[in-house]
Amino acid sequence: MGLVTRKQLLAQGVGRSSISRALQSGKLHRILPSVYSTAKPTYLDRCAAVTLWKPDAVLSHSSAASLWGLLDEDPKLVEATVPPTSRADGSDWVRLYRRNLASHDLCDGLPVVPIEQCFIDVATTLPRSELEAFFDRAIAKRVPWKTVARLCDESPGRHGITAVREQLRTCCPLTHSEPERIVARALTSRNFHLEINARVGPYFGDLVDKKARVIVEIDGREFHSEPEVFNNDRRRQNALVLDGWLVLRYSAATAMAHLDAVADEIITVVRRRRHNRA
């Protein structure tokens, strides 16, 4: 990774004055106290630098989530957990947390908390909207929800457990688009659950209530503007309607701009259909 510590340089016979000149000339870049890089550091370099600076550090929170592939982009901070006795000074791009860790794994050769631990860690730092997106994207697809729930049971009093349990109850995995995810979330926040991307005969519906025989489709322009796609959608909808299904369609723009109204209408229609069919 092009990283080197002051101790390593001195062990190789590089003098202190040579190190100073290399820093002044730009051949070395100081990343952290006594940790240098031979080039502009990447996010992975910064993560590795923290473990060189604090050999007992374990990457956690958003950094571990990034290394495990649970985030779409690298975080701004490098976050790590160190023993309670460790000092936490350093840099404005490093955030250290003090606690004892029972175990850790390796990812890209770096010490990280286990993947399921990331869900509890980020629950203490991410804003609610980002936390919801994190759970919807990662739970069930990357980590079974039962594994995270079991970890919550093992640490009932820990900070973040309440938020994690709420997310496990309301998360909407398996959605295929952001508008679809937002609508599913709006429904679950009202304690109204529909199946997500459920099979209906030879087709799949974005949100499905089989008791009411209602399918909710959230249409993004990019998926439905091509003539062939448009015609296939109409053939599919006709087949479903003839089979007794009610198909509610909303554009992605409408769903995002009028979320509460869309959610209210879906709930009203589904409840009425359930009652009539009963």
C-alpha atoms as a PDB file:
ATOM      1  CA  MET A   1       0.000   0.000   0.000  1.00  0.00           C
ATOM      2  CA  GLY A   2       3.039   2.270   0.035  1.00  0.00           C
ATOM      3  CA  LEU A   3       2.822   2.762   3.810  1.00  0.00           C
ATOM      4  CA  VAL A   4       5.780   2.820   6.155  1.00  0.00           C
ATOM      5  CA  THR A   5       6.319   3.687   9.787  1.00  0.00           C
ATOM      6  CA  ARG A   6       9.107   5.770  11.258  1.00  0.00           C
ATOM      7  CA  LYS A   7      10.269   2.711  13.173  1.00  0.00           C
ATOM      8  CA  GLN A   8      10.539   0.711   9.947  1.00  0.00           C
ATOM      9  CA  LEU A   9      12.524   3.458   8.218  1.00  0.00           C
ATOM     10  CA  LEU A  10      14.954   3.720  11.102  1.00  0.00           C
ATOM     11  CA  ALA A  11      15.359  -0.076  11.136  1.00  0.00           C
ATOM     12  CA  GLN A  12      16.263   0.091   7.425  1.00  0.00           C
ATOM     13  CA  GLY A  13      19.044   2.566   8.207  1.00  0.00           C
ATOM     14  CA  VAL A  14      17.231   5.698   7.065  1.00  0.00           C
ATOM     15  CA  GLY A  15      18.307   8.557   9.307  1.00  0.00           C
ATOM     16  CA  ARG A  16      16.023  11.075  10.981  1.00  0.00           C
ATOM     17  CA  SER A  17      17.374  13.906   8.830  1.00  0.00           C
ATOM     18  CA  SER A  18      16.681  11.877   5.664  1.00  0.00           C
ATOM     19  CA  ILE A  19      13.126  11.293   6.809  1.00  0.00           C
ATOM     20  CA  SER A  20      12.687  15.035   7.384  1.00  0.00           C
ATOM     21  CA  ARG A  21      14.046  15.871   3.928  1.00  0.00           C
ATOM     22  CA  ALA A  22      11.773  13.266   2.294  1.00  0.00           C
ATOM     23  CA  LEU A  23       8.784  14.847   4.030  1.00  0.00           C
ATOM     24  CA  GLN A  24       9.803  18.349   2.953  1.00  0.00           C
ATOM     25  CA  SER A  25      10.332  17.287  -0.657  1.00  0.00           C
ATOM     26  CA  GLY A  26       7.027  15.421  -0.879  1.00  0.00           C
ATOM     27  CA  LYS A  27       8.568  11.973  -1.335  1.00  0.00           C
ATOM     28  CA  LEU A  28       6.886  11.000   1.920  1.00  0.00           C
ATOM     29  CA  HIS A  29       3.471  12.102   3.175  1.00  0.00           C
ATOM     30  CA  ARG A  30       2.731  12.113   6.882  1.00  0.00           C
ATOM     31  CA  ILE A  31      -0.617  10.402   7.432  1.00  0.00           C
ATOM     32  CA  LEU A  32      -0.577   9.861  11.178  1.00  0.00           C
ATOM     33  CA  PRO A  33       2.048  10.217  13.913  1.00  0.00           C
ATOM     34  CA  SER A  34       5.063   8.210  12.704  1.00  0.00           C
ATOM     35  CA  VAL A  35       3.116   6.737   9.772  1.00  0.00           C
ATOM     36  CA  TYR A  36       3.967   7.828   6.231  1.00  0.00           C
ATOM     37  CA  SER A  37       2.869   7.140   2.655  1.00  0.00           C
ATOM     38  CA  THR A  38       4.907   7.245  -0.540  1.00  0.00           C
ATOM     39  CA  ALA A  39       1.879   8.489  -2.527  1.00  0.00           C
ATOM     40  CA  LYS A  40      -1.441  10.164  -1.924  1.00  0.00           C
ATOM     41  CA  PRO A  41      -3.263   7.697   0.331  1.00  0.00           C
ATOM     42  CA  THR A  42      -6.478   5.990  -0.687  1.00  0.00           C
ATOM     43  CA  TYR A  43      -9.227   5.243   1.826  1.00  0.00           C
ATOM     44  CA  LEU A  44      -7.849   1.721   2.218  1.00  0.00           C
ATOM     45  CA  ASP A  45      -4.399   3.227   2.858  1.00  0.00           C
ATOM     46  CA  ARG A  46      -5.860   5.396   5.610  1.00  0.00           C
ATOM     47  CA  CYS A  47      -7.526   2.381   7.194  1.00  0.00           C
ATOM     48  CA  ALA A  48      -4.227   0.491   7.127  1.00  0.00           C
ATOM     49  CA  ALA A  49      -2.418   3.541   8.513  1.00  0.00           C
ATOM     50  CA  VAL A  50      -4.690   3.566  11.562  1.00  0.00           C
ATOM     51  CA  THR A  51      -3.804  -0.064  12.296  1.00  0.00           C
ATOM     52  CA  LEU A  52      -0.103   0.778  11.995  1.00  0.00           C
ATOM     53  CA  TRP A  53      -0.499   3.779  14.274  1.00  0.00           C
ATOM     54  CA  LYS A  54      -2.620   1.811  16.774  1.00  0.00           C
ATOM     55  CA  PRO A  55      -1.590  -1.881  16.477  1.00  0.00           C
ATOM     56  CA  ASP A  56      -4.433  -2.901  18.810  1.00  0.00           C
ATOM     57  CA  ALA A  57      -7.077  -1.048  16.744  1.00  0.00           C
ATOM     58  CA  VAL A  58      -9.861  -2.928  14.957  1.00  0.00           C
ATOM     59  CA  LEU A  59     -11.664  -1.145  12.121  1.00  0.00           C
ATOM     60  CA  SER A  60     -15.331  -0.732  12.986  1.00  0.00           C
ATOM     61  CA  HIS A  61     -18.495   1.268  12.284  1.00  0.00           C
ATOM     62  CA  SER A  62     -18.574   2.789   8.786  1.00  0.00           C
ATOM     63  CA  SER A  63     -14.996   1.712   7.980  1.00  0.00           C
ATOM     64  CA  ALA A  64     -15.758  -1.946   8.646  1.00  0.00           C
ATOM     65  CA  ALA A  65     -19.026  -1.611   6.733  1.00  0.00           C
ATOM     66  CA  SER A  66     -17.107  -0.179   3.776  1.00  0.00           C
ATOM     67  CA  LEU A  67     -14.513  -2.958   3.826  1.00  0.00           C
ATOM     68  CA  TRP A  68     -17.267  -5.590   4.019  1.00  0.00           C
ATOM     69  CA  GLY A  69     -18.901  -4.023   0.944  1.00  0.00           C
ATOM     70  CA  LEU A  70     -22.009  -2.814   2.773  1.00  0.00           C
ATOM     71  CA  LEU A  71     -21.650   0.837   1.674  1.00  0.00           C
ATOM     72  CA  ASP A  72     -21.922   2.285  -1.824  1.00  0.00           C
ATOM     73  CA  GLU A  73     -19.048   4.730  -1.301  1.00  0.00           C
ATOM     74  CA  ASP A  74     -16.168   5.250   1.090  1.00  0.00           C
ATOM     75  CA  PRO A  75     -16.965   7.182   4.286  1.00  0.00           C
ATOM     76  CA  LYS A  76     -15.300  10.468   5.120  1.00  0.00           C
ATOM     77  CA  LEU A  77     -13.896   9.157   8.407  1.00  0.00           C
ATOM     78  CA  VAL A  78     -11.826   6.141   9.305  1.00  0.00           C
ATOM     79  CA  GLU A  79     -13.458   4.613  12.367  1.00  0.00           C
ATOM     80  CA  ALA A  80     -11.849   2.050  14.619  1.00  0.00           C
ATOM     81  CA  THR A  81     -12.272   0.544  18.060  1.00  0.00           C
ATOM     82  CA  VAL A  82      -9.404   0.394  20.539  1.00  0.00           C
ATOM     83  CA  PRO A  83      -9.122  -1.008  24.079  1.00  0.00           C
ATOM     84  CA  PRO A  84     -10.481   1.223  26.862  1.00  0.00           C
ATOM     85  CA  THR A  85      -6.950   2.087  28.026  1.00  0.00           C
ATOM     86  CA  SER A  86      -5.783   3.347  24.615  1.00  0.00           C
ATOM     87  CA  ARG A  87      -5.387   7.060  23.853  1.00  0.00           C
ATOM     88  CA  ALA A  88      -7.735   8.437  21.218  1.00  0.00           C
ATOM     89  CA  ASP A  89      -5.828  11.458  19.874  1.00  0.00           C
ATOM     90  CA  GLY A  90      -4.766  11.580  16.250  1.00  0.00           C
ATOM     91  CA  SER A  91      -6.298  13.276  13.200  1.00  0.00           C
ATOM     92  CA  ASP A  92      -9.544  14.975  12.230  1.00  0.00           C
ATOM     93  CA  TRP A  93     -10.283  12.139   9.771  1.00  0.00           C
ATOM     94  CA  VAL A  94      -9.913   9.408  12.410  1.00  0.00           C
ATOM     95  CA  ARG A  95     -12.549   8.560  15.014  1.00  0.00           C
ATOM     96  CA  LEU A  96     -11.680   6.045  17.720  1.00  0.00           C
ATOM     97  CA  TYR A  97     -14.091   4.266  20.057  1.00  0.00           C
ATOM     98  CA  ARG A  98     -13.018   2.652  23.301  1.00  0.00           C
ATOM     99  CA  ARG A  99     -14.407  -0.753  24.216  1.00  0.00           C
ATOM    100  CA  ASN A 100     -13.314  -4.359  24.603  1.00  0.00           C
ATOM    101  CA  LEU A 101     -13.921  -6.559  21.572  1.00  0.00           C
ATOM    102  CA  ALA A 102     -14.479 -10.279  21.956  1.00  0.00           C
ATOM    103  CA  SER A 103     -13.174 -11.089  18.465  1.00  0.00           C
ATOM    104  CA  HIS A 104     -12.428  -9.674  15.051  1.00  0.00           C
ATOM    105  CA  ASP A 105     -12.047 -10.864  11.468  1.00  0.00           C
ATOM    106  CA  LEU A 106      -9.755  -9.959   8.606  1.00  0.00           C
ATOM    107  CA  CYS A 107     -10.881  -8.147   5.470  1.00  0.00           C
ATOM    108  CA  ASP A 108      -8.390  -7.067   2.805  1.00  0.00           C
ATOM    109  CA  GLY A 109      -5.764  -8.154   5.315  1.00  0.00           C
ATOM    110  CA  LEU A 110      -6.946  -5.620   7.906  1.00  0.00           C
ATOM    111  CA  PRO A 111      -8.541  -6.329  11.300  1.00  0.00           C
ATOM    112  CA  VAL A 112     -12.279  -5.556  11.223  1.00  0.00           C
ATOM    113  CA  VAL A 113     -15.257  -6.283  13.409  1.00  0.00           C
ATOM    114  CA  PRO A 114     -17.437  -9.186  12.174  1.00  0.00           C
ATOM    115  CA  ILE A 115     -19.855  -8.202   9.424  1.00  0.00           C
ATOM    116  CA  GLU A 116     -22.944  -8.559  11.626  1.00  0.00           C
ATOM    117  CA  GLN A 117     -21.363  -6.233  14.217  1.00  0.00           C
ATOM    118  CA  CYS A 118     -21.413  -3.437  11.615  1.00  0.00           C
ATOM    119  CA  PHE A 119     -25.194  -3.215  11.899  1.00  0.00           C
ATOM    120  CA  ILE A 120     -25.003  -2.370  15.594  1.00  0.00           C
ATOM    121  CA  ASP A 121     -22.028  -0.045  15.177  1.00  0.00           C
ATOM    122  CA  VAL A 122     -23.533   2.112  12.428  1.00  0.00           C
ATOM    123  CA  ALA A 123     -26.824   2.349  14.327  1.00  0.00           C
ATOM    124  CA  THR A 124     -25.003   4.633  16.767  1.00  0.00           C
ATOM    125  CA  THR A 125     -23.578   6.970  14.114  1.00  0.00           C
ATOM    126  CA  LEU A 126     -25.672   7.093  10.919  1.00  0.00           C
ATOM    127  CA  PRO A 127     -28.614   9.510  10.551  1.00  0.00           C
ATOM    128  CA  ARG A 128     -31.961   7.724  10.494  1.00  0.00           C
ATOM    129  CA  SER A 129     -32.517   8.007   6.727  1.00  0.00           C
ATOM    130  CA  GLU A 130     -29.048   6.627   5.977  1.00  0.00           C
ATOM    131  CA  LEU A 131     -29.489   3.870   8.550  1.00  0.00           C
ATOM    132  CA  GLU A 132     -32.760   2.805   6.930  1.00  0.00           C
ATOM    133  CA  ALA A 133     -31.107   2.651   3.509  1.00  0.00           C
ATOM    134  CA  PHE A 134     -28.189   0.704   4.998  1.00  0.00           C
ATOM    135  CA  PHE A 135     -30.469  -1.964   6.471  1.00  0.00           C
ATOM    136  CA  ASP A 136     -32.666  -2.181   3.377  1.00  0.00           C
ATOM    137  CA  ARG A 137     -29.617  -2.639   1.171  1.00  0.00           C
ATOM    138  CA  ALA A 138     -27.672  -5.102   3.307  1.00  0.00           C
ATOM    139  CA  ILE A 139     -29.941  -7.111   5.588  1.00  0.00           C
ATOM    140  CA  ALA A 140     -31.016 -10.467   4.138  1.00  0.00           C
ATOM    141  CA  LYS A 141     -28.933  -9.845   0.996  1.00  0.00           C
ATOM    142  CA  ARG A 142     -25.573  -9.947   2.788  1.00  0.00           C
ATOM    143  CA  VAL A 143     -26.376 -10.912   6.386  1.00  0.00           C
ATOM    144  CA  PRO A 144     -29.341 -12.955   7.699  1.00  0.00           C
ATOM    145  CA  TRP A 145     -31.502 -10.817   9.974  1.00  0.00           C
ATOM    146  CA  LYS A 146     -31.562 -13.637  12.561  1.00  0.00           C
ATOM    147  CA  THR A 147     -27.776 -13.331  12.942  1.00  0.00           C
ATOM    148  CA  VAL A 148     -28.069  -9.627  13.759  1.00  0.00           C
ATOM    149  CA  ALA A 149     -31.049 -10.274  16.055  1.00  0.00           C
ATOM    150  CA  ARG A 150     -29.040 -12.905  17.931  1.00  0.00           C
ATOM    151  CA  LEU A 151     -26.196 -10.433  18.416  1.00  0.00           C
ATOM    152  CA  CYS A 152     -28.691  -7.921  19.846  1.00  0.00           C
ATOM    153  CA  ASP A 153     -29.889 -10.556  22.332  1.00  0.00           C
ATOM    154  CA  GLU A 154     -26.298 -11.132  23.440  1.00  0.00           C
ATOM    155  CA  SER A 155     -25.756  -7.406  24.143  1.00  0.00           C
ATOM    156  CA  PRO A 156     -29.153  -6.148  25.361  1.00  0.00           C
ATOM    157  CA  GLY A 157     -27.943  -2.971  27.064  1.00  0.00           C
ATOM    158  CA  ARG A 158     -25.533  -1.730  24.423  1.00  0.00           C
ATOM    159  CA  HIS A 159     -25.910   1.620  22.717  1.00  0.00           C
ATOM    160  CA  GLY A 160     -27.589   1.196  19.336  1.00  0.00           C
ATOM    161  CA  ILE A 161     -29.467  -2.037  20.113  1.00  0.00           C
ATOM    162  CA  THR A 162     -32.872  -0.323  20.258  1.00  0.00           C
ATOM    163  CA  ALA A 163     -32.317   1.295  16.855  1.00  0.00           C
ATOM    164  CA  VAL A 164     -31.172  -2.013  15.351  1.00  0.00           C
ATOM    165  CA  ARG A 165     -34.233  -3.851  16.621  1.00  0.00           C
ATOM    166  CA  GLU A 166     -36.469  -1.162  15.156  1.00  0.00           C
ATOM    167  CA  GLN A 167     -34.721  -1.492  11.803  1.00  0.00           C
ATOM    168  CA  LEU A 168     -35.027  -5.286  11.869  1.00  0.00           C
ATOM    169  CA  ARG A 169     -38.767  -4.846  12.430  1.00  0.00           C
ATOM    170  CA  THR A 170     -39.318  -2.220   9.719  1.00  0.00           C
ATOM    171  CA  CYS A 171     -36.600  -2.834   7.116  1.00  0.00           C
ATOM    172  CA  CYS A 172     -37.601  -3.505   3.507  1.00  0.00           C
ATOM    173  CA  PRO A 173     -34.947  -5.587   1.792  1.00  0.00           C
ATOM    174  CA  LEU A 174     -35.165  -6.899  -1.780  1.00  0.00           C
ATOM    175  CA  THR A 175     -36.528  -3.666  -3.258  1.00  0.00           C
ATOM    176  CA  HIS A 176     -35.144  -2.900  -6.714  1.00  0.00           C
ATOM    177  CA  SER A 177     -35.199   0.900  -6.719  1.00  0.00           C
ATOM    178  CA  GLU A 178     -35.056   3.806  -4.314  1.00  0.00           C
ATOM    179  CA  PRO A 179     -38.679   4.960  -4.930  1.00  0.00           C
ATOM    180  CA  GLU A 180     -39.875   1.390  -4.401  1.00  0.00           C
ATOM    181  CA  ARG A 181     -37.891   1.184  -1.165  1.00  0.00           C
ATOM    182  CA  ILE A 182     -39.247   4.511   0.079  1.00  0.00           C
ATOM    183  CA  VAL A 183     -42.867   3.456  -0.549  1.00  0.00           C
ATOM    184  CA  ALA A 184     -42.309   0.107   1.188  1.00  0.00           C
ATOM    185  CA  ARG A 185     -40.800   1.968   4.149  1.00  0.00           C
ATOM    186  CA  ALA A 186     -43.736   4.359   4.303  1.00  0.00           C
ATOM    187  CA  LEU A 187     -46.088   1.397   4.546  1.00  0.00           C
ATOM    188  CA  THR A 188     -44.110  -0.482   7.205  1.00  0.00           C
ATOM    189  CA  SER A 189     -43.869   2.713   9.284  1.00  0.00           C
ATOM    190  CA  ARG A 190     -47.672   2.520   9.418  1.00  0.00           C
ATOM    191  CA  ASN A 191     -47.370  -1.147  10.452  1.00  0.00           C
ATOM    192  CA  PHE A 192     -48.748  -2.175   7.062  1.00  0.00           C
ATOM    193  CA  HIS A 193     -46.647  -4.840   5.358  1.00  0.00           C
ATOM    194  CA  LEU A 194     -46.791  -5.970   1.750  1.00  0.00           C
ATOM    195  CA  GLU A 195     -44.630  -8.636   0.143  1.00  0.00           C
ATOM    196  CA  ILE A 196     -41.690  -7.149  -1.728  1.00  0.00           C
ATOM    197  CA  ASN A 197     -40.955  -8.374  -5.266  1.00  0.00           C
ATOM    198  CA  ALA A 198     -43.230 -11.348  -4.755  1.00  0.00           C
ATOM    199  CA  ARG A 199     -44.057 -13.886  -7.441  1.00  0.00           C
ATOM    200  CA  VAL A 200     -47.564 -13.708  -8.921  1.00  0.00           C
ATOM    201  CA  GLY A 201     -47.919 -16.606 -11.349  1.00  0.00           C
ATOM    202  CA  PRO A 202     -45.305 -16.086 -14.072  1.00  0.00           C
ATOM    203  CA  TYR A 203     -44.711 -12.465 -12.970  1.00  0.00           C
ATOM    204  CA  PHE A 204     -43.291 -10.497 -10.061  1.00  0.00           C
ATOM    205  CA  GLY A 205     -44.925  -7.510  -8.399  1.00  0.00           C
ATOM    206  CA  ASP A 206     -43.066  -4.652  -6.721  1.00  0.00           C
ATOM    207  CA  LEU A 207     -45.371  -4.798  -3.669  1.00  0.00           C
ATOM    208  CA  VAL A 208     -47.999  -7.527  -3.339  1.00  0.00           C
ATOM    209  CA  ASP A 209     -50.914  -8.331  -1.046  1.00  0.00           C
ATOM    210  CA  LYS A 210     -52.158 -11.805  -1.993  1.00  0.00           C
ATOM    211  CA  LYS A 211     -55.148 -11.743   0.354  1.00  0.00           C
ATOM    212  CA  ALA A 212     -56.530  -8.620  -1.320  1.00  0.00           C
ATOM    213  CA  ARG A 213     -55.073  -9.587  -4.721  1.00  0.00           C
ATOM    214  CA  VAL A 214     -53.510  -6.154  -5.079  1.00  0.00           C
ATOM    215  CA  ILE A 215     -50.206  -5.401  -6.802  1.00  0.00           C
ATOM    216  CA  VAL A 216     -48.477  -2.028  -6.411  1.00  0.00           C
ATOM    217  CA  GLU A 217     -46.065  -1.015  -9.162  1.00  0.00           C
ATOM    218  CA  ILE A 218     -43.641   1.911  -8.837  1.00  0.00           C
ATOM    219  CA  ASP A 219     -42.672   2.845 -12.393  1.00  0.00           C
ATOM    220  CA  GLY A 220     -39.402   4.608 -13.110  1.00  0.00           C
ATOM    221  CA  ARG A 221     -39.200   6.315 -16.497  1.00  0.00           C
ATOM    222  CA  GLU A 222     -35.890   4.626 -17.284  1.00  0.00           C
ATOM    223  CA  PHE A 223     -37.539   1.191 -17.000  1.00  0.00           C
ATOM    224  CA  HIS A 224     -40.759   1.847 -18.873  1.00  0.00           C
ATOM    225  CA  SER A 225     -40.054   4.311 -21.689  1.00  0.00           C
ATOM    226  CA  GLU A 226     -38.803   1.803 -24.290  1.00  0.00           C
ATOM    227  CA  PRO A 227     -41.595   0.633 -26.659  1.00  0.00           C
ATOM    228  CA  GLU A 228     -40.974  -3.073 -26.040  1.00  0.00           C
ATOM    229  CA  VAL A 229     -40.932  -2.631 -22.275  1.00  0.00           C
ATOM    230  CA  PHE A 230     -44.062  -0.461 -22.446  1.00  0.00           C
ATOM    231  CA  ASN A 231     -45.936  -3.083 -24.497  1.00  0.00           C
ATOM    232  CA  ASN A 232     -44.795  -5.954 -22.251  1.00  0.00           C
ATOM    233  CA  ASP A 233     -46.034  -4.021 -19.217  1.00  0.00           C
ATOM    234  CA  ARG A 234     -49.469  -3.640 -20.790  1.00  0.00           C
ATOM    235  CA  ARG A 235     -49.707  -7.335 -21.713  1.00  0.00           C
ATOM    236  CA  ARG A 236     -48.611  -8.272 -18.190  1.00  0.00           C
ATOM    237  CA  GLN A 237     -51.131  -5.920 -16.563  1.00  0.00           C
ATOM    238  CA  ASN A 238     -53.975  -7.176 -18.737  1.00  0.00           C
ATOM    239  CA  ALA A 239     -53.180 -10.770 -17.801  1.00  0.00           C
ATOM    240  CA  LEU A 240     -53.139  -9.911 -14.102  1.00  0.00           C
ATOM    241  CA  VAL A 241     -56.396  -7.926 -14.263  1.00  0.00           C
ATOM    242  CA  LEU A 242     -58.131 -10.762 -16.116  1.00  0.00           C
ATOM    243  CA  ASP A 243     -56.935 -13.089 -13.347  1.00  0.00           C
ATOM    244  CA  GLY A 244     -58.635 -10.954 -10.708  1.00  0.00           C
ATOM    245  CA  TRP A 245     -55.751  -8.751  -9.572  1.00  0.00           C
ATOM    246  CA  LEU A 246     -56.011  -5.016  -9.014  1.00  0.00           C
ATOM    247  CA  VAL A 247     -52.846  -3.244 -10.168  1.00  0.00           C
ATOM    248  CA  LEU A 248     -52.062   0.160  -8.656  1.00  0.00           C
ATOM    249  CA  ARG A 249     -49.402   2.040 -10.613  1.00  0.00           C
ATOM    250  CA  TYR A 250     -47.500   5.115  -9.485  1.00  0.00           C
ATOM    251  CA  SER A 251     -44.677   6.900 -11.222  1.00  0.00           C
ATOM    252  CA  ALA A 252     -41.478   7.166  -9.233  1.00  0.00           C
ATOM    253  CA  ALA A 253     -41.788  10.953  -9.332  1.00  0.00           C
ATOM    254  CA  THR A 254     -45.302  10.852  -7.864  1.00  0.00           C
ATOM    255  CA  ALA A 255     -44.309   8.365  -5.179  1.00  0.00           C
ATOM    256  CA  MET A 256     -41.385  10.521  -4.049  1.00  0.00           C
ATOM    257  CA  ALA A 257     -43.249  13.840  -4.218  1.00  0.00           C
ATOM    258  CA  HIS A 258     -46.502  12.678  -2.604  1.00  0.00           C
ATOM    259  CA  LEU A 259     -45.345   9.784  -0.457  1.00  0.00           C
ATOM    260  CA  ASP A 260     -47.928  10.100   2.326  1.00  0.00           C
ATOM    261  CA  ALA A 261     -50.831  10.320  -0.105  1.00  0.00           C
ATOM    262  CA  VAL A 262     -49.583   7.316  -2.070  1.00  0.00           C
ATOM    263  CA  ALA A 263     -49.128   5.247   1.090  1.00  0.00           C
ATOM    264  CA  ASP A 264     -52.571   6.232   2.383  1.00  0.00           C
ATOM    265  CA  GLU A 265     -54.231   5.291  -0.898  1.00  0.00           C
ATOM    266  CA  ILE A 266     -52.489   1.902  -1.021  1.00  0.00           C
ATOM    267  CA  ILE A 267     -53.561   1.083   2.535  1.00  0.00           C
ATOM    268  CA  THR A 268     -57.153   2.188   1.898  1.00  0.00           C
ATOM    269  CA  VAL A 269     -57.473   0.145  -1.297  1.00  0.00           C
ATOM    270  CA  VAL A 270     -55.860  -2.977   0.143  1.00  0.00           C
ATOM    271  CA  ARG A 271     -57.988  -2.906   3.291  1.00  0.00           C
ATOM    272  CA  ARG A 272     -61.181  -2.412   1.269  1.00  0.00           C
ATOM    273  CA  ARG A 273     -60.277  -5.280  -1.057  1.00  0.00           C
ATOM    274  CA  ARG A 274     -59.468  -7.537   1.873  1.00  0.00           C
ATOM    275  CA  HIS A 275     -62.839  -6.758   3.439  1.00  0.00           C
ATOM    276  CA  ASN A 276     -64.792  -7.268   0.199  1.00  0.00           C
ATOM    277  CA  ARG A 277     -63.041 -10.517  -0.639  1.00  0.00           C
ATOM    278  CA  ALA A 278     -63.613 -11.817   2.908  1.00  0.00           C
END
